[in-house]
Amino acid sequence: MNFFEENDQPQQRVGTIERLRDFALICFDKFLAERDGRPQISDVEKICSEYLSVGEVETILKENCQCNTDGFYGVGGGTVEEANKNMETLMTALMQRILSNVISGGVRDGWLDCAFDSEKNDFCFKITDKGKEIVERSEYNADS
């Protein structure tokens, strides 16, 4: 995805942390909707507070962007390609956080079991019976 286009004019995109959060959630939902063959969630507010907080977005911005003395975060680069790459890095970090929060919520709500595999040095997840029931009842279930 190109966030910046090649032309002779300097480019700026100004927005709030809340709008960046909403954009990331919309992109995440769009990916899942296309993968699952379901409509996108029309009310982003339904998913905002649970899956990506403003504080998490600000932390990710601090890790991936430059902050000026006025408290504004900037994503850019010496070339359009570099600016697009930096923006892609930022969006990837946001998507990874959303995925982590979705998985954490699934474990918290009893839809997923979680265990640590010391041989792989990674976490493993398995859908629970409660999770299977949710999938069976889902209006987007392909078998319904």
C-alpha atoms as a PDB file:
ATOM      1  CA  MET A   1       0.000   0.000   0.000  1.00  0.00           C
ATOM      2  CA  ASN A   2       1.358   3.398  -0.926  1.00  0.00           C
ATOM      3  CA  PHE A   3       0.670   6.080   1.625  1.00  0.00           C
ATOM      4  CA  PHE A   4       2.653   8.756  -0.216  1.00  0.00           C
ATOM      5  CA  GLU A   5       2.848   9.351  -3.964  1.00  0.00           C
ATOM      6  CA  GLU A   6       5.736  10.562  -6.105  1.00  0.00           C
ATOM      7  CA  ASN A   7       5.397  14.206  -7.140  1.00  0.00           C
ATOM      8  CA  ASP A   8       7.238  17.478  -6.821  1.00  0.00           C
ATOM      9  CA  GLN A   9       5.292  18.675  -3.770  1.00  0.00           C
ATOM     10  CA  PRO A  10       6.170  17.870  -0.153  1.00  0.00           C
ATOM     11  CA  GLN A  11       3.394  15.835   1.405  1.00  0.00           C
ATOM     12  CA  GLN A  12       1.870  16.005   4.832  1.00  0.00           C
ATOM     13  CA  ARG A  13      -0.805  13.949   6.472  1.00  0.00           C
ATOM     14  CA  VAL A  14      -2.102  15.336   9.743  1.00  0.00           C
ATOM     15  CA  GLY A  15      -4.417  13.457  12.015  1.00  0.00           C
ATOM     16  CA  THR A  16      -5.110  12.535  15.592  1.00  0.00           C
ATOM     17  CA  ILE A  17      -4.000   9.427  17.417  1.00  0.00           C
ATOM     18  CA  GLU A  18      -7.665   8.428  17.612  1.00  0.00           C
ATOM     19  CA  ARG A  19      -8.024   8.633  13.820  1.00  0.00           C
ATOM     20  CA  LEU A  20      -4.864   6.570  13.348  1.00  0.00           C
ATOM     21  CA  ARG A  21      -6.269   3.975  15.767  1.00  0.00           C
ATOM     22  CA  ASP A  22      -9.566   3.900  13.881  1.00  0.00           C
ATOM     23  CA  PHE A  23      -7.756   3.581  10.531  1.00  0.00           C
ATOM     24  CA  ALA A  24      -5.683   0.657  11.822  1.00  0.00           C
ATOM     25  CA  LEU A  25      -8.787  -1.109  13.158  1.00  0.00           C
ATOM     26  CA  ILE A  26     -10.666  -0.549   9.905  1.00  0.00           C
ATOM     27  CA  CYS A  27      -7.725  -1.970   7.918  1.00  0.00           C
ATOM     28  CA  PHE A  28      -7.531  -4.984  10.250  1.00  0.00           C
ATOM     29  CA  ASP A  29     -11.267  -5.628   9.947  1.00  0.00           C
ATOM     30  CA  LYS A  30     -11.126  -5.170   6.163  1.00  0.00           C
ATOM     31  CA  PHE A  31      -8.430  -7.844   5.943  1.00  0.00           C
ATOM     32  CA  LEU A  32     -10.473 -10.270   8.066  1.00  0.00           C
ATOM     33  CA  ALA A  33     -13.704  -9.485   6.196  1.00  0.00           C
ATOM     34  CA  GLU A  34     -12.082 -10.167   2.824  1.00  0.00           C
ATOM     35  CA  ARG A  35     -10.505 -13.373   4.149  1.00  0.00           C
ATOM     36  CA  ASP A  36     -13.756 -14.596   5.735  1.00  0.00           C
ATOM     37  CA  GLY A  37     -16.114 -13.413   2.992  1.00  0.00           C
ATOM     38  CA  ARG A  38     -18.163 -11.284   5.363  1.00  0.00           C
ATOM     39  CA  PRO A  39     -19.117  -7.626   5.418  1.00  0.00           C
ATOM     40  CA  GLN A  40     -16.914  -5.180   7.268  1.00  0.00           C
ATOM     41  CA  ILE A  41     -18.001  -3.948  10.677  1.00  0.00           C
ATOM     42  CA  SER A  42     -19.718  -0.647   9.983  1.00  0.00           C
ATOM     43  CA  ASP A  43     -19.327   0.830  13.489  1.00  0.00           C
ATOM     44  CA  VAL A  44     -15.620   1.062  14.287  1.00  0.00           C
ATOM     45  CA  GLU A  45     -16.484   2.286  17.796  1.00  0.00           C
ATOM     46  CA  LYS A  46     -17.658  -1.247  18.618  1.00  0.00           C
ATOM     47  CA  ILE A  47     -14.119  -2.534  18.277  1.00  0.00           C
ATOM     48  CA  CYS A  48     -11.961   0.462  19.193  1.00  0.00           C
ATOM     49  CA  SER A  49     -11.683   0.404  22.944  1.00  0.00           C
ATOM     50  CA  GLU A  50     -11.249  -3.347  23.301  1.00  0.00           C
ATOM     51  CA  TYR A  51      -8.697  -4.099  20.610  1.00  0.00           C
ATOM     52  CA  LEU A  52      -6.488  -1.020  20.413  1.00  0.00           C
ATOM     53  CA  SER A  53      -6.297   1.783  22.932  1.00  0.00           C
ATOM     54  CA  VAL A  54      -5.115   5.310  22.310  1.00  0.00           C
ATOM     55  CA  GLY A  55      -2.295   4.678  24.797  1.00  0.00           C
ATOM     56  CA  GLU A  56      -1.118   1.650  22.819  1.00  0.00           C
ATOM     57  CA  VAL A  57      -1.125   3.684  19.601  1.00  0.00           C
ATOM     58  CA  GLU A  58       0.898   6.429  21.259  1.00  0.00           C
ATOM     59  CA  THR A  59       3.443   3.891  22.548  1.00  0.00           C
ATOM     60  CA  ILE A  60       3.795   2.415  19.058  1.00  0.00           C
ATOM     61  CA  LEU A  61       4.165   5.907  17.587  1.00  0.00           C
ATOM     62  CA  LYS A  62       6.966   6.661  20.067  1.00  0.00           C
ATOM     63  CA  GLU A  63       8.743   3.451  19.022  1.00  0.00           C
ATOM     64  CA  ASN A  64       8.355   3.989  15.255  1.00  0.00           C
ATOM     65  CA  CYS A  65       8.239   7.727  14.616  1.00  0.00           C
ATOM     66  CA  GLN A  66      10.023  10.952  15.355  1.00  0.00           C
ATOM     67  CA  CYS A  67       8.461  13.380  17.802  1.00  0.00           C
ATOM     68  CA  ASN A  68       9.099  17.110  17.523  1.00  0.00           C
ATOM     69  CA  THR A  69       9.222  19.582  20.396  1.00  0.00           C
ATOM     70  CA  ASP A  70       5.496  20.347  20.027  1.00  0.00           C
ATOM     71  CA  GLY A  71       4.559  16.709  20.667  1.00  0.00           C
ATOM     72  CA  PHE A  72       3.712  15.911  17.047  1.00  0.00           C
ATOM     73  CA  TYR A  73       4.766  12.540  15.638  1.00  0.00           C
ATOM     74  CA  GLY A  74       6.137  12.321  12.121  1.00  0.00           C
ATOM     75  CA  VAL A  75       6.510   9.491   9.652  1.00  0.00           C
ATOM     76  CA  GLY A  76       8.555  10.235   6.582  1.00  0.00           C
ATOM     77  CA  GLY A  77      11.756   9.638   4.774  1.00  0.00           C
ATOM     78  CA  GLY A  78      14.276  11.015   2.342  1.00  0.00           C
ATOM     79  CA  THR A  79      12.358   9.497  -0.565  1.00  0.00           C
ATOM     80  CA  VAL A  80       8.757   8.551  -1.238  1.00  0.00           C
ATOM     81  CA  GLU A  81       9.788   4.888  -1.109  1.00  0.00           C
ATOM     82  CA  GLU A  82      11.415   5.369   2.286  1.00  0.00           C
ATOM     83  CA  ALA A  83       8.361   7.256   3.608  1.00  0.00           C
ATOM     84  CA  ASN A  84       6.045   4.470   2.408  1.00  0.00           C
ATOM     85  CA  LYS A  85       8.308   1.846   3.994  1.00  0.00           C
ATOM     86  CA  ASN A  86       8.318   3.730   7.308  1.00  0.00           C
ATOM     87  CA  MET A  87       4.528   4.071   7.233  1.00  0.00           C
ATOM     88  CA  GLU A  88       4.201   0.365   6.434  1.00  0.00           C
ATOM     89  CA  THR A  89       6.430  -0.420   9.431  1.00  0.00           C
ATOM     90  CA  LEU A  90       4.176   1.688  11.654  1.00  0.00           C
ATOM     91  CA  MET A  91       0.993   0.039  10.329  1.00  0.00           C
ATOM     92  CA  THR A  92       2.529  -3.428  10.759  1.00  0.00           C
ATOM     93  CA  ALA A  93       3.293  -2.650  14.405  1.00  0.00           C
ATOM     94  CA  LEU A  94      -0.308  -1.476  14.915  1.00  0.00           C
ATOM     95  CA  MET A  95      -1.708  -4.611  13.223  1.00  0.00           C
ATOM     96  CA  GLN A  96       0.486  -6.852  15.373  1.00  0.00           C
ATOM     97  CA  ARG A  97      -0.785  -5.120  18.509  1.00  0.00           C
ATOM     98  CA  ILE A  98      -4.411  -5.543  17.403  1.00  0.00           C
ATOM     99  CA  LEU A  99      -3.822  -9.242  16.683  1.00  0.00           C
ATOM    100  CA  SER A 100      -2.171  -9.691  20.078  1.00  0.00           C
ATOM    101  CA  ASN A 101      -5.120  -7.977  21.779  1.00  0.00           C
ATOM    102  CA  VAL A 102      -7.662 -10.080  19.844  1.00  0.00           C
ATOM    103  CA  ILE A 103      -5.877 -13.285  20.866  1.00  0.00           C
ATOM    104  CA  SER A 104      -5.565 -12.086  24.458  1.00  0.00           C
ATOM    105  CA  GLY A 105      -9.302 -11.317  24.497  1.00  0.00           C
ATOM    106  CA  GLY A 106     -10.060 -14.782  23.132  1.00  0.00           C
ATOM    107  CA  VAL A 107      -8.056 -16.365  25.942  1.00  0.00           C
ATOM    108  CA  ARG A 108      -9.616 -14.056  28.545  1.00  0.00           C
ATOM    109  CA  ASP A 109     -13.141 -14.856  27.331  1.00  0.00           C
ATOM    110  CA  GLY A 110     -12.482 -18.606  27.268  1.00  0.00           C
ATOM    111  CA  TRP A 111     -12.630 -18.990  23.466  1.00  0.00           C
ATOM    112  CA  LEU A 112      -8.970 -20.005  23.223  1.00  0.00           C
ATOM    113  CA  ASP A 113      -6.607 -22.030  25.392  1.00  0.00           C
ATOM    114  CA  CYS A 114      -3.036 -20.827  25.607  1.00  0.00           C
ATOM    115  CA  ALA A 115       0.113 -22.753  26.490  1.00  0.00           C
ATOM    116  CA  PHE A 116       3.825 -22.074  26.174  1.00  0.00           C
ATOM    117  CA  ASP A 117       5.829 -24.534  24.066  1.00  0.00           C
ATOM    118  CA  SER A 118       9.343 -24.454  25.511  1.00  0.00           C
ATOM    119  CA  GLU A 119      10.776 -26.405  22.561  1.00  0.00           C
ATOM    120  CA  LYS A 120       9.536 -23.803  20.080  1.00  0.00           C
ATOM    121  CA  ASN A 121       9.974 -20.967  22.593  1.00  0.00           C
ATOM    122  CA  ASP A 122       6.563 -19.672  21.573  1.00  0.00           C
ATOM    123  CA  PHE A 123       2.940 -19.657  22.642  1.00  0.00           C
ATOM    124  CA  CYS A 124       0.432 -22.144  21.213  1.00  0.00           C
ATOM    125  CA  PHE A 125      -3.309 -21.573  20.995  1.00  0.00           C
ATOM    126  CA  LYS A 126      -6.208 -23.977  20.625  1.00  0.00           C
ATOM    127  CA  ILE A 127      -9.887 -23.175  20.204  1.00  0.00           C
ATOM    128  CA  THR A 128     -12.008 -24.252  23.172  1.00  0.00           C
ATOM    129  CA  ASP A 129     -15.454 -25.850  23.106  1.00  0.00           C
ATOM    130  CA  LYS A 130     -16.878 -22.422  23.996  1.00  0.00           C
ATOM    131  CA  GLY A 131     -14.993 -20.931  21.041  1.00  0.00           C
ATOM    132  CA  LYS A 132     -16.333 -23.642  18.728  1.00  0.00           C
ATOM    133  CA  GLU A 133     -19.884 -22.838  19.867  1.00  0.00           C
ATOM    134  CA  ILE A 134     -19.351 -19.160  19.052  1.00  0.00           C
ATOM    135  CA  VAL A 135     -18.134 -20.068  15.553  1.00  0.00           C
ATOM    136  CA  GLU A 136     -21.097 -22.411  15.009  1.00  0.00           C
ATOM    137  CA  ARG A 137     -23.566 -19.677  16.018  1.00  0.00           C
ATOM    138  CA  SER A 138     -21.823 -16.958  13.994  1.00  0.00           C
ATOM    139  CA  GLU A 139     -23.985 -15.309  11.343  1.00  0.00           C
ATOM    140  CA  TYR A 140     -20.921 -15.374   9.092  1.00  0.00           C
ATOM    141  CA  ASN A 141     -20.359 -19.120   9.437  1.00  0.00           C
ATOM    142  CA  ALA A 142     -19.946 -20.499   5.899  1.00  0.00           C
ATOM    143  CA  ASP A 143     -21.891 -23.646   6.776  1.00  0.00           C
ATOM    144  CA  SER A 144     -25.073 -21.818   7.795  1.00  0.00           C
END
